[in-house]
N, C-alpha and C. Protein backbone atom coordinates (compact mmCIF):
# COMPACT_ATOMS: atom_id res chain seq x y z
N MET A 1 7.43 -10.90 7.93
CA MET A 1 7.76 -10.20 6.71
C MET A 1 8.44 -11.13 5.71
N ILE A 2 9.22 -12.05 6.20
CA ILE A 2 9.91 -12.98 5.32
C ILE A 2 8.90 -13.83 4.56
N ALA A 3 7.87 -14.30 5.27
CA ALA A 3 6.85 -15.13 4.63
C ALA A 3 6.10 -14.35 3.56
N ALA A 4 5.78 -13.09 3.82
CA ALA A 4 5.06 -12.27 2.84
C ALA A 4 5.92 -12.05 1.59
N LYS A 5 7.19 -11.82 1.78
CA LYS A 5 8.09 -11.63 0.63
C LYS A 5 8.24 -12.92 -0.16
N ALA A 6 8.31 -14.04 0.54
CA ALA A 6 8.41 -15.33 -0.14
C ALA A 6 7.13 -15.61 -0.93
N MET A 7 5.98 -15.28 -0.37
CA MET A 7 4.71 -15.49 -1.06
C MET A 7 4.63 -14.62 -2.32
N ALA A 8 5.17 -13.43 -2.27
CA ALA A 8 5.17 -12.55 -3.45
C ALA A 8 5.88 -13.22 -4.62
N ASP A 9 6.91 -13.98 -4.33
CA ASP A 9 7.64 -14.68 -5.39
C ASP A 9 6.82 -15.82 -6.01
N GLU A 10 5.84 -16.31 -5.30
CA GLU A 10 5.04 -17.45 -5.76
C GLU A 10 3.79 -17.05 -6.54
N LEU A 11 3.43 -15.79 -6.54
CA LEU A 11 2.18 -15.36 -7.15
C LEU A 11 2.26 -15.28 -8.66
N GLU A 12 1.18 -15.71 -9.28
CA GLU A 12 1.04 -15.54 -10.71
C GLU A 12 0.32 -14.22 -10.96
N GLY A 13 0.57 -13.61 -12.09
CA GLY A 13 -0.12 -12.38 -12.43
C GLY A 13 0.70 -11.13 -12.25
N LEU A 14 1.85 -11.25 -11.59
CA LEU A 14 2.74 -10.10 -11.41
C LEU A 14 3.98 -10.27 -12.27
N ASN A 15 4.43 -9.16 -12.85
CA ASN A 15 5.71 -9.22 -13.55
C ASN A 15 6.83 -9.02 -12.54
N ASP A 16 8.07 -9.13 -12.97
CA ASP A 16 9.21 -9.04 -12.06
C ASP A 16 9.27 -7.69 -11.35
N ALA A 17 8.99 -6.61 -12.07
CA ALA A 17 9.02 -5.27 -11.46
C ALA A 17 7.95 -5.15 -10.38
N GLU A 18 6.77 -5.70 -10.63
CA GLU A 18 5.69 -5.65 -9.64
C GLU A 18 6.03 -6.48 -8.42
N ARG A 19 6.67 -7.62 -8.62
CA ARG A 19 7.09 -8.45 -7.47
C ARG A 19 8.07 -7.67 -6.59
N LEU A 20 9.03 -7.01 -7.22
CA LEU A 20 10.00 -6.22 -6.47
C LEU A 20 9.32 -5.08 -5.72
N LEU A 21 8.34 -4.46 -6.35
CA LEU A 21 7.60 -3.37 -5.72
C LEU A 21 6.82 -3.88 -4.50
N VAL A 22 6.20 -5.04 -4.63
CA VAL A 22 5.47 -5.63 -3.51
C VAL A 22 6.44 -5.91 -2.36
N LYS A 23 7.55 -6.53 -2.67
CA LYS A 23 8.51 -6.89 -1.62
C LYS A 23 9.09 -5.66 -0.94
N ALA A 24 9.39 -4.62 -1.70
CA ALA A 24 9.91 -3.38 -1.11
C ALA A 24 8.83 -2.70 -0.27
N SER A 25 7.60 -2.77 -0.71
CA SER A 25 6.50 -2.13 0.02
C SER A 25 6.21 -2.81 1.35
N ILE A 26 6.49 -4.09 1.45
CA ILE A 26 6.24 -4.82 2.69
C ILE A 26 7.03 -4.20 3.85
N ASP A 27 8.28 -3.83 3.61
CA ASP A 27 9.08 -3.19 4.67
C ASP A 27 8.45 -1.88 5.11
N ASP A 28 7.96 -1.08 4.16
CA ASP A 28 7.34 0.20 4.50
C ASP A 28 6.02 0.00 5.23
N ILE A 29 5.29 -1.04 4.87
CA ILE A 29 4.00 -1.31 5.52
C ILE A 29 4.20 -1.73 6.97
N ALA A 30 5.26 -2.45 7.25
CA ALA A 30 5.51 -2.95 8.60
C ALA A 30 5.90 -1.84 9.57
N ALA A 31 6.51 -0.79 9.07
CA ALA A 31 6.92 0.33 9.92
C ALA A 31 5.85 1.41 9.87
N ASP A 32 5.74 2.17 10.93
CA ASP A 32 4.78 3.26 10.95
C ASP A 32 5.51 4.55 10.57
N THR A 33 5.62 4.76 9.26
CA THR A 33 6.32 5.93 8.73
C THR A 33 5.41 6.61 7.72
N PRO A 34 5.78 7.78 7.23
CA PRO A 34 4.98 8.43 6.20
C PRO A 34 4.82 7.57 4.94
N MET A 35 5.73 6.66 4.68
CA MET A 35 5.64 5.80 3.50
C MET A 35 4.69 4.61 3.70
N SER A 36 4.23 4.39 4.91
CA SER A 36 3.34 3.26 5.18
C SER A 36 2.07 3.31 4.35
N GLU A 37 1.43 4.47 4.33
CA GLU A 37 0.19 4.61 3.57
C GLU A 37 0.44 4.49 2.07
N VAL A 38 1.54 5.07 1.60
CA VAL A 38 1.88 4.99 0.17
C VAL A 38 2.08 3.53 -0.22
N ALA A 39 2.83 2.81 0.58
CA ALA A 39 3.09 1.39 0.29
C ALA A 39 1.79 0.58 0.33
N ALA A 40 0.93 0.89 1.28
CA ALA A 40 -0.35 0.16 1.37
C ALA A 40 -1.20 0.40 0.13
N VAL A 41 -1.21 1.63 -0.37
CA VAL A 41 -1.96 1.93 -1.59
C VAL A 41 -1.36 1.17 -2.78
N ARG A 42 -0.04 1.12 -2.85
CA ARG A 42 0.61 0.35 -3.93
C ARG A 42 0.17 -1.11 -3.91
N ILE A 43 0.23 -1.70 -2.74
CA ILE A 43 -0.15 -3.11 -2.60
C ILE A 43 -1.62 -3.29 -2.96
N LYS A 44 -2.45 -2.41 -2.47
CA LYS A 44 -3.89 -2.51 -2.73
C LYS A 44 -4.18 -2.42 -4.23
N LYS A 45 -3.44 -1.61 -4.96
CA LYS A 45 -3.63 -1.48 -6.40
C LYS A 45 -3.19 -2.74 -7.15
N LEU A 46 -2.19 -3.44 -6.63
CA LEU A 46 -1.69 -4.65 -7.29
C LEU A 46 -2.48 -5.90 -6.94
N MET A 47 -3.19 -5.90 -5.83
CA MET A 47 -3.88 -7.11 -5.38
C MET A 47 -4.90 -7.65 -6.39
N PRO A 48 -5.63 -6.82 -7.12
CA PRO A 48 -6.57 -7.40 -8.09
C PRO A 48 -5.89 -8.26 -9.16
N LYS A 49 -4.62 -8.06 -9.39
CA LYS A 49 -3.89 -8.86 -10.37
C LYS A 49 -3.62 -10.28 -9.86
N VAL A 50 -3.71 -10.48 -8.57
CA VAL A 50 -3.38 -11.78 -7.97
C VAL A 50 -4.52 -12.33 -7.12
N LEU A 51 -5.73 -12.15 -7.58
CA LEU A 51 -6.88 -12.64 -6.84
C LEU A 51 -6.99 -14.16 -6.97
N THR A 52 -6.06 -14.80 -6.33
CA THR A 52 -6.01 -16.26 -6.26
C THR A 52 -5.86 -16.62 -4.80
N THR A 53 -5.79 -17.88 -4.52
CA THR A 53 -5.54 -18.31 -3.14
C THR A 53 -4.25 -17.69 -2.62
N GLY A 54 -3.22 -17.69 -3.46
CA GLY A 54 -1.94 -17.10 -3.06
C GLY A 54 -2.06 -15.62 -2.78
N GLY A 55 -2.86 -14.93 -3.55
CA GLY A 55 -3.07 -13.49 -3.34
C GLY A 55 -3.75 -13.22 -2.01
N GLU A 56 -4.71 -14.04 -1.66
CA GLU A 56 -5.39 -13.88 -0.38
C GLU A 56 -4.44 -14.18 0.78
N VAL A 57 -3.59 -15.17 0.61
CA VAL A 57 -2.59 -15.48 1.64
C VAL A 57 -1.63 -14.30 1.79
N LEU A 58 -1.18 -13.74 0.67
CA LEU A 58 -0.29 -12.59 0.73
C LEU A 58 -0.96 -11.42 1.44
N ARG A 59 -2.22 -11.14 1.11
CA ARG A 59 -2.94 -10.03 1.75
C ARG A 59 -2.99 -10.25 3.26
N LYS A 60 -3.30 -11.48 3.69
CA LYS A 60 -3.37 -11.77 5.12
C LYS A 60 -2.01 -11.59 5.79
N LEU A 61 -0.96 -12.09 5.15
CA LEU A 61 0.39 -11.95 5.72
C LEU A 61 0.78 -10.49 5.86
N ILE A 62 0.45 -9.70 4.84
CA ILE A 62 0.81 -8.28 4.87
C ILE A 62 0.02 -7.55 5.95
N VAL A 63 -1.27 -7.82 6.04
CA VAL A 63 -2.09 -7.17 7.06
C VAL A 63 -1.59 -7.55 8.46
N ASP A 64 -1.14 -8.79 8.63
CA ASP A 64 -0.63 -9.23 9.93
C ASP A 64 0.60 -8.45 10.37
N VAL A 65 1.46 -8.05 9.45
CA VAL A 65 2.68 -7.33 9.82
C VAL A 65 2.54 -5.82 9.67
N ALA A 66 1.41 -5.37 9.14
CA ALA A 66 1.24 -3.95 8.83
C ALA A 66 1.11 -3.11 10.10
N SER A 67 1.60 -1.89 10.00
CA SER A 67 1.35 -0.92 11.06
C SER A 67 -0.15 -0.64 11.08
N ASP A 68 -0.63 -0.03 12.15
CA ASP A 68 -2.06 0.27 12.24
C ASP A 68 -2.53 1.14 11.08
N THR A 69 -1.73 2.13 10.73
CA THR A 69 -2.09 3.04 9.64
C THR A 69 -2.21 2.29 8.32
N ALA A 70 -1.22 1.48 8.00
CA ALA A 70 -1.22 0.72 6.75
C ALA A 70 -2.34 -0.32 6.74
N ALA A 71 -2.60 -0.95 7.87
CA ALA A 71 -3.66 -1.95 7.95
C ALA A 71 -5.02 -1.33 7.64
N LYS A 72 -5.25 -0.12 8.11
CA LYS A 72 -6.51 0.56 7.83
C LYS A 72 -6.67 0.80 6.33
N VAL A 73 -5.60 1.20 5.68
CA VAL A 73 -5.65 1.43 4.22
C VAL A 73 -5.92 0.12 3.49
N LEU A 74 -5.22 -0.93 3.90
CA LEU A 74 -5.38 -2.22 3.23
C LEU A 74 -6.77 -2.81 3.44
N LYS A 75 -7.34 -2.58 4.60
CA LYS A 75 -8.67 -3.12 4.90
C LYS A 75 -9.78 -2.22 4.37
N GLY A 76 -9.41 -1.03 3.92
CA GLY A 76 -10.41 -0.12 3.39
C GLY A 76 -11.11 0.72 4.44
N ASN A 77 -10.54 0.80 5.63
CA ASN A 77 -11.14 1.60 6.72
C ASN A 77 -10.59 3.00 6.72
């Protein structure tokens, strides 16, 4: 989770509020709670703004720490 949050700080295309939202959503994605799916949808909506190498790295890091429920949302399953 630390690496994913650090990568969020390195991405171009996000404003400060969006970076904070991504970082806050990472915690929700990692846990299997009712907020997991909401956080995954938030991240998925922001990813087109960072379709760079860094964005792909962030997506991979997030999917790696995601709960099963959130991972399904992020992968589109």
